[in-house]
Structure formats: C-alpha cells, structure tokens
Amino acid sequence: MHVCHIIVDDFLPDPDAVRDAALRLAYPEPEEATYFPGRNADQALPIQGLDQVISALAGEALQPAPGTSHLKPRLALDGQSGKGGIHVDNAHWSAIIYLTPDAHCQGGTSFHRHRRTDSEHAPVFPGEAERMGLNHPSEIWEKIVFPDQDRPEAWDTTMTVPMRYNRMALFRSYLWHNAGPSFGATPETGRLILPLFYIPA
C-alpha cells in the first residue's frame, strides 16, 4: 500500500488565530519574478506541535525541508502569477493549509498526468527514469517540467483538491501538481495558504 494523498478538514484547532497572524505579516514585493504566484511572507509562522501531527499522519518521522518556504504564508491576489506551472517539490512530503474563508475560495490544488511519459509523478522508483526516456531522474526539469509546465495539451488533470477554509492537503512531493488560481482584491479576500515541506527525520 502506497499512500499519496491525505486530506484533513477542520485541521487547525484555532484557524482564525493562524489566519489573523498570517494577515499581520508583511508580504514584500519580490525583486524578480517568482516561480509560484503571489508573495511569500517575510517570516515563517511557527505552529507548536504541527510537525509531530504531520509525521503521525504520514506514518513516518519528518522534519522541515531546508531551503524551502516551509511555514511561510503565501498570498496570491487577482492578476498575480509566477513563472512556473505544473511541477514537483524538492521535498519528501508537501502540505498546504488553506486559510481563505469559504466565501472567497476558488480552485485548490490540481494533480496531473504527463501524457508523453504516461506518468503521474517524477521518477522515484527503480526503472522509472529509463521508462520515461531519461538517463537520470534529475533530467525531469530539462526534459519535462521546463518544456511542458505551461502547455495544457501536455497534461491530463487527474484530480483537484478543492480549496476550503482550514483544510490541510498532504501529498507526496514528487506528484505532478499545480497551484490554483490567484484571486481577490485584498489580503482579506485573496488566496492565502500556509505551505509545508518535509523530508525524513
């Protein structure tokens, strides 16, 4: 049995407090175009005991992935876009906690199958890279992600996790996935998420 997605609703015991804290943070304009739509907060938003809860759900001991935006809220307003599209994350598990009230929610997180290689994830198991026509798993960026990430005809959508307030979507980082649309005119009505990235402890 191989678990790839875990969805938990009503995840945080006090989501309003976390949302309010996220809205009080600064979201500086990046100096150059970012890969993901929107802006990251200028600091992380620690939540006591969160890593232990995620580890229990995943069934393995996990720790925050270095070099990622772990626990830095991301705010994406209408018209804001990133230079990336469908991708994988540099981690073992990824998670998103949605912090937008249901009245404003749009989209969610989508997962995809790459048509040419007939794959729903980057090569991580023995023989997969060769079957996908790659000499090494690291070639996914040059041969799959960068050429095809913004070509809808190169992908099929396999599922979408709808955005819902205080929903937590935990998934394998190697799955082909993409952020939902940016929306809202103000931080209070925009796409506000708390991203998490983990590696084995």
N, C-alpha and C. Protein backbone atom coordinates (compact mmCIF):
# COMPACT_ATOMS: atom_id res chain seq x y z
N MET A 1 0.85 -1.19 0.00
CA MET A 1 0.00 0.00 0.00
C MET A 1 0.89 1.24 0.00
N HIS A 2 0.58 2.17 -0.88
CA HIS A 2 1.38 3.39 -1.00
C HIS A 2 0.45 4.60 -0.94
N VAL A 3 0.49 5.32 0.16
CA VAL A 3 -0.38 6.48 0.36
C VAL A 3 0.25 7.70 -0.30
N CYS A 4 -0.54 8.39 -1.13
CA CYS A 4 -0.05 9.57 -1.85
C CYS A 4 -0.72 10.86 -1.43
N HIS A 5 -1.97 10.79 -0.98
CA HIS A 5 -2.71 12.00 -0.59
C HIS A 5 -3.39 11.75 0.75
N ILE A 6 -3.36 12.74 1.61
CA ILE A 6 -4.12 12.72 2.86
C ILE A 6 -4.79 14.08 3.00
N ILE A 7 -6.11 14.09 3.09
CA ILE A 7 -6.87 15.34 3.20
C ILE A 7 -7.54 15.37 4.57
N VAL A 8 -7.32 16.43 5.32
CA VAL A 8 -7.92 16.57 6.65
C VAL A 8 -8.65 17.90 6.71
N ASP A 9 -9.93 17.86 6.97
CA ASP A 9 -10.71 19.08 7.16
C ASP A 9 -10.73 19.47 8.64
N ASP A 10 -11.02 20.75 8.88
CA ASP A 10 -11.03 21.29 10.26
C ASP A 10 -9.71 20.95 10.95
N PHE A 11 -8.61 21.22 10.26
CA PHE A 11 -7.30 20.74 10.69
C PHE A 11 -6.76 21.48 11.90
N LEU A 12 -6.71 22.80 11.82
CA LEU A 12 -6.15 23.58 12.93
C LEU A 12 -7.20 23.79 14.01
N PRO A 13 -6.84 23.68 15.28
CA PRO A 13 -7.82 23.89 16.34
C PRO A 13 -8.32 25.33 16.41
N ASP A 14 -7.48 26.29 16.00
CA ASP A 14 -7.88 27.71 16.01
C ASP A 14 -7.43 28.36 14.70
N PRO A 15 -8.09 28.05 13.59
CA PRO A 15 -7.64 28.59 12.30
C PRO A 15 -7.75 30.11 12.21
N ASP A 16 -8.73 30.69 12.91
CA ASP A 16 -8.88 32.14 12.84
C ASP A 16 -7.64 32.85 13.40
N ALA A 17 -7.07 32.30 14.47
CA ALA A 17 -5.87 32.91 15.05
C ALA A 17 -4.69 32.81 14.09
N VAL A 18 -4.56 31.67 13.41
CA VAL A 18 -3.47 31.49 12.45
C VAL A 18 -3.67 32.42 11.26
N ARG A 19 -4.91 32.51 10.77
CA ARG A 19 -5.19 33.41 9.65
C ARG A 19 -4.89 34.86 10.04
N ASP A 20 -5.35 35.27 11.21
CA ASP A 20 -5.10 36.65 11.64
C ASP A 20 -3.61 36.93 11.75
N ALA A 21 -2.86 35.97 12.27
CA ALA A 21 -1.41 36.15 12.38
C ALA A 21 -0.76 36.25 11.01
N ALA A 22 -1.26 35.44 10.06
CA ALA A 22 -0.72 35.48 8.70
C ALA A 22 -1.01 36.82 8.04
N LEU A 23 -2.20 37.37 8.28
CA LEU A 23 -2.56 38.64 7.66
C LEU A 23 -1.79 39.81 8.26
N ARG A 24 -1.24 39.63 9.45
CA ARG A 24 -0.45 40.71 10.06
C ARG A 24 0.99 40.74 9.55
N LEU A 25 1.40 39.71 8.84
CA LEU A 25 2.77 39.66 8.33
C LEU A 25 2.91 40.54 7.09
N ALA A 26 4.14 40.89 6.79
CA ALA A 26 4.43 41.66 5.57
C ALA A 26 4.69 40.70 4.41
N TYR A 27 4.22 41.09 3.23
CA TYR A 27 4.41 40.30 2.01
C TYR A 27 5.14 41.18 1.00
N PRO A 28 6.45 41.26 1.11
CA PRO A 28 7.21 42.20 0.28
C PRO A 28 7.19 41.83 -1.19
N GLU A 29 7.27 42.86 -2.02
CA GLU A 29 7.36 42.66 -3.47
C GLU A 29 8.70 42.00 -3.78
N PRO A 30 8.69 40.85 -4.47
CA PRO A 30 9.96 40.19 -4.79
C PRO A 30 10.77 41.02 -5.78
N GLU A 31 12.09 40.89 -5.68
CA GLU A 31 12.97 41.66 -6.56
C GLU A 31 12.93 41.16 -7.99
N GLU A 32 12.58 39.90 -8.18
CA GLU A 32 12.47 39.33 -9.52
C GLU A 32 11.29 38.37 -9.54
N ALA A 33 10.90 37.94 -10.73
CA ALA A 33 9.75 37.06 -10.87
C ALA A 33 9.96 35.78 -10.06
N THR A 34 8.92 35.36 -9.36
CA THR A 34 8.99 34.16 -8.54
C THR A 34 8.41 32.97 -9.29
N TYR A 35 8.78 31.77 -8.87
CA TYR A 35 8.29 30.56 -9.53
C TYR A 35 6.80 30.39 -9.28
N PHE A 36 6.37 30.64 -8.04
CA PHE A 36 4.98 30.45 -7.68
C PHE A 36 4.24 31.78 -7.70
N PRO A 37 2.93 31.76 -7.96
CA PRO A 37 2.17 33.01 -7.97
C PRO A 37 2.08 33.62 -6.57
N GLY A 38 2.02 34.94 -6.53
CA GLY A 38 1.85 35.62 -5.26
C GLY A 38 3.16 35.94 -4.58
N ARG A 39 3.06 36.22 -3.28
CA ARG A 39 4.23 36.63 -2.49
C ARG A 39 4.28 35.80 -1.21
N ASN A 40 5.50 35.47 -0.80
CA ASN A 40 5.70 34.83 0.49
C ASN A 40 5.80 35.88 1.58
N ALA A 41 5.35 35.52 2.78
CA ALA A 41 5.54 36.40 3.93
C ALA A 41 7.03 36.55 4.22
N ASP A 42 7.37 37.62 4.91
CA ASP A 42 8.78 37.87 5.19
C ASP A 42 9.32 37.04 6.34
N GLN A 43 8.45 36.24 6.97
CA GLN A 43 8.90 35.37 8.04
C GLN A 43 7.97 34.17 8.16
N ALA A 44 8.47 33.12 8.80
CA ALA A 44 7.68 31.92 8.99
C ALA A 44 6.67 32.13 10.13
N LEU A 45 5.68 31.26 10.15
CA LEU A 45 4.62 31.33 11.16
C LEU A 45 4.60 29.99 11.91
N PRO A 46 5.44 29.82 12.92
CA PRO A 46 5.53 28.53 13.61
C PRO A 46 4.21 28.16 14.30
N ILE A 47 3.91 26.86 14.27
CA ILE A 47 2.73 26.33 14.95
C ILE A 47 3.19 25.17 15.83
N GLN A 48 3.03 25.31 17.11
CA GLN A 48 3.54 24.31 18.05
C GLN A 48 2.90 22.95 17.80
N GLY A 49 3.73 21.92 17.69
CA GLY A 49 3.25 20.55 17.54
C GLY A 49 2.87 20.16 16.14
N LEU A 50 2.94 21.08 15.18
CA LEU A 50 2.49 20.79 13.82
C LEU A 50 3.32 19.69 13.17
N ASP A 51 4.64 19.76 13.30
CA ASP A 51 5.48 18.76 12.65
C ASP A 51 5.18 17.35 13.17
N GLN A 52 4.89 17.24 14.45
CA GLN A 52 4.56 15.94 15.03
C GLN A 52 3.24 15.41 14.49
N VAL A 53 2.27 16.29 14.30
CA VAL A 53 0.98 15.87 13.76
C VAL A 53 1.13 15.39 12.32
N ILE A 54 1.89 16.13 11.51
CA ILE A 54 2.11 15.73 10.13
C ILE A 54 2.86 14.41 10.07
N SER A 55 3.85 14.21 10.92
CA SER A 55 4.58 12.95 10.96
C SER A 55 3.65 11.79 11.28
N ALA A 56 2.75 11.99 12.23
CA ALA A 56 1.81 10.93 12.59
C ALA A 56 0.88 10.60 11.43
N LEU A 57 0.42 11.61 10.71
CA LEU A 57 -0.45 11.37 9.56
C LEU A 57 0.29 10.64 8.45
N ALA A 58 1.54 11.02 8.21
CA ALA A 58 2.32 10.40 7.14
C ALA A 58 2.81 9.01 7.53
N GLY A 59 2.83 8.72 8.81
CA GLY A 59 3.29 7.41 9.26
C GLY A 59 4.80 7.28 9.28
N GLU A 60 5.52 8.39 9.33
CA GLU A 60 6.97 8.37 9.41
C GLU A 60 7.46 9.66 10.04
N ALA A 61 8.62 9.59 10.66
CA ALA A 61 9.20 10.78 11.29
C ALA A 61 9.69 11.75 10.23
N LEU A 62 9.23 12.99 10.32
CA LEU A 62 9.56 14.01 9.33
C LEU A 62 10.15 15.24 10.00
N GLN A 63 10.88 16.01 9.22
CA GLN A 63 11.41 17.29 9.68
C GLN A 63 11.30 18.30 8.54
N PRO A 64 11.25 19.60 8.85
CA PRO A 64 11.13 20.61 7.79
C PRO A 64 12.27 20.50 6.78
N ALA A 65 11.91 20.65 5.51
CA ALA A 65 12.90 20.59 4.43
C ALA A 65 13.67 21.90 4.37
N PRO A 66 14.99 21.87 4.44
CA PRO A 66 15.76 23.11 4.37
C PRO A 66 15.68 23.74 2.99
N GLY A 67 15.81 25.06 2.96
CA GLY A 67 15.82 25.76 1.69
C GLY A 67 14.47 25.92 1.04
N THR A 68 13.39 25.67 1.79
CA THR A 68 12.04 25.81 1.25
C THR A 68 11.32 26.94 1.99
N SER A 69 10.12 27.24 1.55
CA SER A 69 9.30 28.27 2.21
C SER A 69 8.41 27.64 3.28
N HIS A 70 8.91 26.63 3.95
CA HIS A 70 8.16 25.93 5.00
C HIS A 70 7.62 26.92 6.03
N LEU A 71 6.30 26.87 6.23
CA LEU A 71 5.59 27.68 7.21
C LEU A 71 5.61 29.18 6.93
N LYS A 72 5.99 29.58 5.72
CA LYS A 72 5.88 30.98 5.33
C LYS A 72 4.57 31.16 4.56
N PRO A 73 3.59 31.86 5.12
CA PRO A 73 2.33 32.04 4.40
C PRO A 73 2.56 32.65 3.02
N ARG A 74 1.71 32.26 2.08
CA ARG A 74 1.80 32.81 0.72
C ARG A 74 0.46 33.43 0.36
N LEU A 75 0.52 34.65 -0.14
CA LEU A 75 -0.68 35.40 -0.52
C LEU A 75 -0.64 35.67 -2.01
N ALA A 76 -1.67 35.24 -2.73
CA ALA A 76 -1.73 35.44 -4.18
C ALA A 76 -3.04 36.13 -4.53
N LEU A 77 -2.95 37.37 -4.99
CA LEU A 77 -4.12 38.17 -5.34
C LEU A 77 -4.39 38.11 -6.83
N ASP A 78 -5.58 38.54 -7.21
CA ASP A 78 -6.00 38.51 -8.61
C ASP A 78 -4.96 39.19 -9.50
N GLY A 79 -4.58 38.50 -10.56
CA GLY A 79 -3.62 39.05 -11.51
C GLY A 79 -2.18 38.70 -11.22
N GLN A 80 -1.90 38.18 -10.04
CA GLN A 80 -0.53 37.79 -9.72
C GLN A 80 -0.24 36.39 -10.24
N SER A 81 0.87 36.23 -10.90
CA SER A 81 1.22 34.93 -11.47
C SER A 81 2.69 34.66 -11.21
N GLY A 82 3.11 33.42 -11.41
CA GLY A 82 4.51 33.04 -11.27
C GLY A 82 5.03 32.57 -12.60
N LYS A 83 6.33 32.36 -12.68
CA LYS A 83 6.93 31.91 -13.94
C LYS A 83 6.86 30.40 -14.10
N GLY A 84 6.39 29.71 -13.08
CA GLY A 84 6.28 28.26 -13.15
C GLY A 84 4.86 27.79 -13.37
N GLY A 85 4.70 26.49 -13.52
CA GLY A 85 3.38 25.89 -13.70
C GLY A 85 3.38 24.54 -13.00
N ILE A 86 2.98 23.50 -13.70
CA ILE A 86 2.98 22.16 -13.13
C ILE A 86 4.42 21.78 -12.76
N HIS A 87 4.59 21.20 -11.57
CA HIS A 87 5.93 20.98 -11.04
C HIS A 87 5.92 19.88 -9.99
N VAL A 88 7.09 19.61 -9.44
CA VAL A 88 7.24 18.79 -8.24
C VAL A 88 8.01 19.64 -7.23
N ASP A 89 7.99 19.22 -5.97
CA ASP A 89 8.68 19.97 -4.92
C ASP A 89 9.96 19.26 -4.50
N ASN A 90 10.92 20.03 -4.04
CA ASN A 90 12.18 19.48 -3.56
C ASN A 90 12.03 19.07 -2.10
N ALA A 91 11.24 18.03 -1.89
CA ALA A 91 10.95 17.55 -0.54
C ALA A 91 10.45 16.11 -0.65
N HIS A 92 10.07 15.54 0.49
CA HIS A 92 9.55 14.17 0.55
C HIS A 92 8.03 14.19 0.65
N TRP A 93 7.51 15.05 1.49
CA TRP A 93 6.08 15.32 1.60
C TRP A 93 5.87 16.83 1.50
N SER A 94 4.78 17.23 0.87
CA SER A 94 4.35 18.63 0.83
C SER A 94 2.96 18.72 1.43
N ALA A 95 2.64 19.88 1.98
CA ALA A 95 1.30 20.09 2.51
C ALA A 95 0.89 21.54 2.33
N ILE A 96 -0.40 21.74 2.25
CA ILE A 96 -0.97 23.08 2.13
C ILE A 96 -2.12 23.19 3.13
N ILE A 97 -2.09 24.22 3.93
CA ILE A 97 -3.23 24.55 4.79
C ILE A 97 -3.89 25.78 4.19
N TYR A 98 -5.15 25.64 3.80
CA TYR A 98 -5.88 26.75 3.17
C TYR A 98 -6.43 27.67 4.26
N LEU A 99 -6.12 28.96 4.13
CA LEU A 99 -6.51 29.94 5.14
C LEU A 99 -7.46 31.01 4.60
N THR A 100 -8.06 30.76 3.45
CA THR A 100 -9.04 31.68 2.88
C THR A 100 -10.45 31.25 3.30
N PRO A 101 -11.29 32.15 3.79
CA PRO A 101 -12.66 31.78 4.15
C PRO A 101 -13.41 31.20 2.95
N ASP A 102 -14.31 30.28 3.23
CA ASP A 102 -15.03 29.58 2.17
C ASP A 102 -15.73 30.53 1.20
N ALA A 103 -16.21 31.66 1.68
CA ALA A 103 -16.94 32.59 0.82
C ALA A 103 -16.08 33.12 -0.32
N HIS A 104 -14.76 33.07 -0.16
CA HIS A 104 -13.86 33.61 -1.18
C HIS A 104 -13.05 32.54 -1.90
N CYS A 105 -13.18 31.29 -1.48
CA CYS A 105 -12.33 30.23 -2.04
C CYS A 105 -12.58 30.01 -3.53
N GLN A 106 -11.50 29.80 -4.26
CA GLN A 106 -11.56 29.43 -5.67
C GLN A 106 -10.49 28.38 -5.92
N GLY A 107 -10.80 27.43 -6.80
CA GLY A 107 -9.80 26.45 -7.19
C GLY A 107 -9.35 25.58 -6.04
N GLY A 108 -8.06 25.31 -6.00
CA GLY A 108 -7.49 24.43 -4.98
C GLY A 108 -6.08 24.05 -5.39
N THR A 109 -5.79 22.76 -5.36
CA THR A 109 -4.50 22.24 -5.82
C THR A 109 -4.78 21.09 -6.78
N SER A 110 -4.24 21.17 -7.98
CA SER A 110 -4.53 20.16 -9.01
C SER A 110 -3.35 19.22 -9.18
N PHE A 111 -3.67 17.98 -9.57
CA PHE A 111 -2.68 16.94 -9.81
C PHE A 111 -2.84 16.44 -11.23
N HIS A 112 -1.72 15.99 -11.83
CA HIS A 112 -1.71 15.80 -13.28
C HIS A 112 -0.96 14.54 -13.71
N ARG A 113 -1.29 14.10 -14.92
CA ARG A 113 -0.56 13.03 -15.60
C ARG A 113 0.11 13.62 -16.82
N HIS A 114 1.41 13.36 -16.97
CA HIS A 114 2.16 13.83 -18.14
C HIS A 114 1.91 12.86 -19.28
N ARG A 115 1.32 13.36 -20.35
CA ARG A 115 0.87 12.48 -21.42
C ARG A 115 2.00 11.74 -22.11
N ARG A 116 3.05 12.45 -22.47
CA ARG A 116 4.12 11.83 -23.26
C ARG A 116 4.79 10.68 -22.51
N THR A 117 4.98 10.83 -21.21
CA THR A 117 5.63 9.78 -20.43
C THR A 117 4.64 8.91 -19.67
N ASP A 118 3.34 9.23 -19.77
CA ASP A 118 2.29 8.49 -19.08
C ASP A 118 2.61 8.35 -17.59
N SER A 119 2.97 9.47 -16.97
CA SER A 119 3.38 9.43 -15.57
C SER A 119 2.60 10.44 -14.75
N GLU A 120 2.25 10.05 -13.52
CA GLU A 120 1.59 10.95 -12.59
C GLU A 120 2.57 11.52 -11.56
N HIS A 121 3.82 11.13 -11.67
CA HIS A 121 4.82 11.64 -10.74
C HIS A 121 6.20 11.56 -11.36
N ALA A 122 7.13 12.30 -10.77
CA ALA A 122 8.52 12.24 -11.20
C ALA A 122 9.08 10.85 -10.90
N PRO A 123 10.13 10.43 -11.60
CA PRO A 123 10.67 9.10 -11.38
C PRO A 123 11.35 8.98 -10.02
N VAL A 124 10.83 8.10 -9.18
CA VAL A 124 11.41 7.89 -7.85
C VAL A 124 11.64 6.41 -7.56
N PHE A 125 11.03 5.54 -8.34
CA PHE A 125 11.18 4.11 -8.13
C PHE A 125 12.10 3.52 -9.18
N PRO A 126 12.75 2.38 -8.89
CA PRO A 126 13.71 1.79 -9.83
C PRO A 126 13.11 1.57 -11.22
N GLY A 127 13.84 1.98 -12.24
CA GLY A 127 13.43 1.77 -13.62
C GLY A 127 12.52 2.82 -14.20
N GLU A 128 11.98 3.71 -13.36
CA GLU A 128 11.02 4.70 -13.88
C GLU A 128 11.69 5.73 -14.77
N ALA A 129 12.87 6.19 -14.41
CA ALA A 129 13.54 7.20 -15.24
C ALA A 129 13.78 6.65 -16.64
N GLU A 130 14.27 5.42 -16.73
CA GLU A 130 14.53 4.82 -18.04
C GLU A 130 13.25 4.64 -18.83
N ARG A 131 12.19 4.22 -18.16
CA ARG A 131 10.91 4.05 -18.86
C ARG A 131 10.40 5.37 -19.40
N MET A 132 10.72 6.46 -18.75
CA MET A 132 10.29 7.79 -19.18
C MET A 132 11.25 8.42 -20.19
N GLY A 133 12.28 7.66 -20.58
CA GLY A 133 13.22 8.17 -21.57
C GLY A 133 14.28 9.09 -21.00
N LEU A 134 14.56 8.95 -19.70
CA LEU A 134 15.54 9.80 -19.04
C LEU A 134 16.77 8.99 -18.66
N ASN A 135 17.91 9.62 -18.71
CA ASN A 135 19.14 8.97 -18.26
C ASN A 135 19.29 9.04 -16.74
N HIS A 136 18.68 10.05 -16.14
CA HIS A 136 18.77 10.25 -14.69
C HIS A 136 17.52 11.01 -14.24
N PRO A 137 17.00 10.71 -13.03
CA PRO A 137 15.79 11.42 -12.58
C PRO A 137 15.91 12.93 -12.61
N SER A 138 17.11 13.48 -12.43
CA SER A 138 17.27 14.93 -12.41
C SER A 138 16.94 15.58 -13.75
N GLU A 139 16.86 14.79 -14.81
CA GLU A 139 16.57 15.34 -16.13
C GLU A 139 15.11 15.76 -16.29
N ILE A 140 14.27 15.50 -15.28
CA ILE A 140 12.86 15.89 -15.41
C ILE A 140 12.70 17.38 -15.64
N TRP A 141 13.59 18.19 -15.05
CA TRP A 141 13.44 19.64 -15.19
C TRP A 141 13.71 20.08 -16.62
N GLU A 142 14.76 19.56 -17.20
CA GLU A 142 15.14 19.96 -18.56
C GLU A 142 14.24 19.35 -19.62
N LYS A 143 13.77 18.11 -19.38
CA LYS A 143 13.06 17.39 -20.43
C LYS A 143 11.55 17.32 -20.23
N ILE A 144 11.06 17.63 -19.02
CA ILE A 144 9.61 17.55 -18.78
C ILE A 144 9.07 18.86 -18.22
N VAL A 145 9.58 19.28 -17.06
CA VAL A 145 8.98 20.42 -16.36
C VAL A 145 9.11 21.71 -17.16
N PHE A 146 10.33 22.11 -17.49
CA PHE A 146 10.51 23.39 -18.16
C PHE A 146 9.87 23.44 -19.54
N PRO A 147 9.96 22.40 -20.38
CA PRO A 147 9.32 22.47 -21.69
C PRO A 147 7.80 22.40 -21.64
N ASP A 148 7.25 21.67 -20.64
CA ASP A 148 5.82 21.35 -20.69
C ASP A 148 4.98 21.97 -19.58
N GLN A 149 5.58 22.65 -18.62
CA GLN A 149 4.81 23.08 -17.45
C GLN A 149 3.66 24.02 -17.79
N ASP A 150 3.79 24.80 -18.86
CA ASP A 150 2.74 25.74 -19.23
C ASP A 150 2.02 25.34 -20.52
N ARG A 151 2.11 24.07 -20.89
CA ARG A 151 1.44 23.55 -22.09
C ARG A 151 0.29 22.65 -21.66
N PRO A 152 -0.95 23.16 -21.61
CA PRO A 152 -2.07 22.33 -21.15
C PRO A 152 -2.23 21.05 -21.94
N GLU A 153 -1.87 21.09 -23.23
CA GLU A 153 -2.04 19.91 -24.06
C GLU A 153 -1.07 18.79 -23.68
N ALA A 154 -0.08 19.08 -22.84
CA ALA A 154 0.89 18.06 -22.44
C ALA A 154 0.45 17.27 -21.21
N TRP A 155 -0.69 17.67 -20.62
CA TRP A 155 -1.10 17.08 -19.35
C TRP A 155 -2.58 16.72 -19.33
N ASP A 156 -2.93 15.75 -18.51
CA ASP A 156 -4.31 15.49 -18.11
C ASP A 156 -4.41 15.77 -16.61
N THR A 157 -5.51 16.37 -16.19
CA THR A 157 -5.74 16.57 -14.77
C THR A 157 -6.33 15.30 -14.18
N THR A 158 -5.69 14.74 -13.18
CA THR A 158 -6.17 13.50 -12.56
C THR A 158 -7.12 13.77 -11.40
N MET A 159 -6.88 14.86 -10.67
CA MET A 159 -7.76 15.22 -9.57
C MET A 159 -7.44 16.63 -9.11
N THR A 160 -8.39 17.25 -8.43
CA THR A 160 -8.19 18.56 -7.82
C THR A 160 -8.70 18.51 -6.39
N VAL A 161 -7.88 18.96 -5.47
CA VAL A 161 -8.32 19.12 -4.09
C VAL A 161 -8.90 20.51 -3.96
N PRO A 162 -10.22 20.64 -3.77
CA PRO A 162 -10.81 21.98 -3.70
C PRO A 162 -10.34 22.74 -2.46
N MET A 163 -10.14 24.03 -2.64
CA MET A 163 -9.77 24.90 -1.52
C MET A 163 -10.95 25.01 -0.57
N ARG A 164 -10.67 24.85 0.71
CA ARG A 164 -11.68 25.01 1.75
C ARG A 164 -10.98 25.51 3.00
N TYR A 165 -11.62 26.41 3.70
CA TYR A 165 -11.01 27.00 4.90
C TYR A 165 -10.64 25.93 5.91
N ASN A 166 -9.41 25.98 6.37
CA ASN A 166 -8.87 25.07 7.38
C ASN A 166 -8.79 23.62 6.89
N ARG A 167 -8.72 23.44 5.59
CA ARG A 167 -8.43 22.11 5.03
C ARG A 167 -6.92 21.97 4.88
N MET A 168 -6.40 20.80 5.22
CA MET A 168 -4.99 20.50 5.04
C MET A 168 -4.86 19.39 4.00
N ALA A 169 -4.11 19.67 2.94
CA ALA A 169 -3.84 18.67 1.90
C ALA A 169 -2.38 18.27 2.00
N LEU A 170 -2.14 17.01 2.35
CA LEU A 170 -0.79 16.45 2.47
C LEU A 170 -0.59 15.49 1.31
N PHE A 171 0.53 15.63 0.59
CA PHE A 171 0.75 14.77 -0.58
C PHE A 171 2.23 14.57 -0.83
N ARG A 172 2.53 13.52 -1.59
CA ARG A 172 3.92 13.23 -1.94
C ARG A 172 4.45 14.35 -2.83
N SER A 173 5.61 14.85 -2.49
CA SER A 173 6.17 15.99 -3.21
C SER A 173 6.50 15.69 -4.66
N TYR A 174 6.68 14.41 -4.99
CA TYR A 174 7.06 14.05 -6.36
C TYR A 174 5.87 13.96 -7.32
N LEU A 175 4.66 14.16 -6.83
CA LEU A 175 3.49 14.17 -7.71
C LEU A 175 3.49 15.43 -8.57
N TRP A 176 3.13 15.29 -9.86
CA TRP A 176 2.97 16.47 -10.71
C TRP A 176 1.76 17.25 -10.18
N HIS A 177 1.97 18.51 -9.80
CA HIS A 177 0.87 19.29 -9.23
C HIS A 177 1.04 20.76 -9.57
N ASN A 178 -0.03 21.52 -9.29
CA ASN A 178 -0.01 22.94 -9.62
C ASN A 178 -0.92 23.70 -8.66
N ALA A 179 -0.58 24.96 -8.43
CA ALA A 179 -1.40 25.82 -7.59
C ALA A 179 -2.67 26.23 -8.32
N GLY A 180 -3.71 26.50 -7.56
CA GLY A 180 -4.94 27.02 -8.14
C GLY A 180 -4.79 28.48 -8.51
N PRO A 181 -5.86 29.09 -9.03
CA PRO A 181 -5.78 30.47 -9.49
C PRO A 181 -5.59 31.47 -8.35
N SER A 182 -4.93 32.56 -8.67
CA SER A 182 -4.86 33.69 -7.74
C SER A 182 -6.18 34.45 -7.81
N PHE A 183 -6.60 35.04 -6.70
CA PHE A 183 -7.88 35.75 -6.70
C PHE A 183 -7.92 36.74 -5.54
N GLY A 184 -8.91 37.61 -5.59
CA GLY A 184 -9.14 38.56 -4.52
C GLY A 184 -8.43 39.89 -4.75
N ALA A 185 -9.08 40.96 -4.31
CA ALA A 185 -8.51 42.30 -4.48
C ALA A 185 -7.72 42.75 -3.26
N THR A 186 -7.92 42.09 -2.13
CA THR A 186 -7.26 42.47 -0.88
C THR A 186 -6.74 41.21 -0.19
N PRO A 187 -5.82 41.36 0.76
CA PRO A 187 -5.36 40.18 1.50
C PRO A 187 -6.50 39.43 2.19
N GLU A 188 -7.52 40.16 2.61
CA GLU A 188 -8.64 39.53 3.32
C GLU A 188 -9.48 38.65 2.40
N THR A 189 -9.45 38.91 1.09
CA THR A 189 -10.26 38.12 0.15
C THR A 189 -9.41 37.28 -0.80
N GLY A 190 -8.09 37.34 -0.65
CA GLY A 190 -7.19 36.65 -1.58
C GLY A 190 -6.91 35.21 -1.22
N ARG A 191 -6.08 34.59 -2.06
CA ARG A 191 -5.67 33.19 -1.85
C ARG A 191 -4.54 33.17 -0.82
N LEU A 192 -4.87 32.71 0.36
CA LEU A 192 -3.91 32.68 1.47
C LEU A 192 -3.70 31.23 1.89
N ILE A 193 -2.46 30.77 1.81
CA ILE A 193 -2.15 29.40 2.19
C ILE A 193 -0.94 29.38 3.11
N LEU A 194 -0.81 28.27 3.82
CA LEU A 194 0.38 28.01 4.62
C LEU A 194 1.04 26.75 4.05
N PRO A 195 2.15 26.89 3.33
CA PRO A 195 2.80 25.73 2.72
C PRO A 195 3.76 25.04 3.69
N LEU A 196 3.83 23.73 3.58
CA LEU A 196 4.71 22.92 4.42
C LEU A 196 5.52 21.98 3.54
N PHE A 197 6.78 21.78 3.88
CA PHE A 197 7.64 20.87 3.11
C PHE A 197 8.47 20.05 4.09
N TYR A 198 8.49 18.73 3.88
CA TYR A 198 9.15 17.83 4.82
C TYR A 198 10.07 16.84 4.13
N ILE A 199 11.11 16.46 4.87
CA ILE A 199 12.00 15.37 4.49
C ILE A 199 12.04 14.38 5.66
N PRO A 200 12.51 13.16 5.44
CA PRO A 200 12.61 12.22 6.56
C PRO A 200 13.52 12.74 7.66
N ALA A 201 13.12 12.50 8.90
CA ALA A 201 13.92 12.95 10.05
C ALA A 201 15.09 12.00 10.29
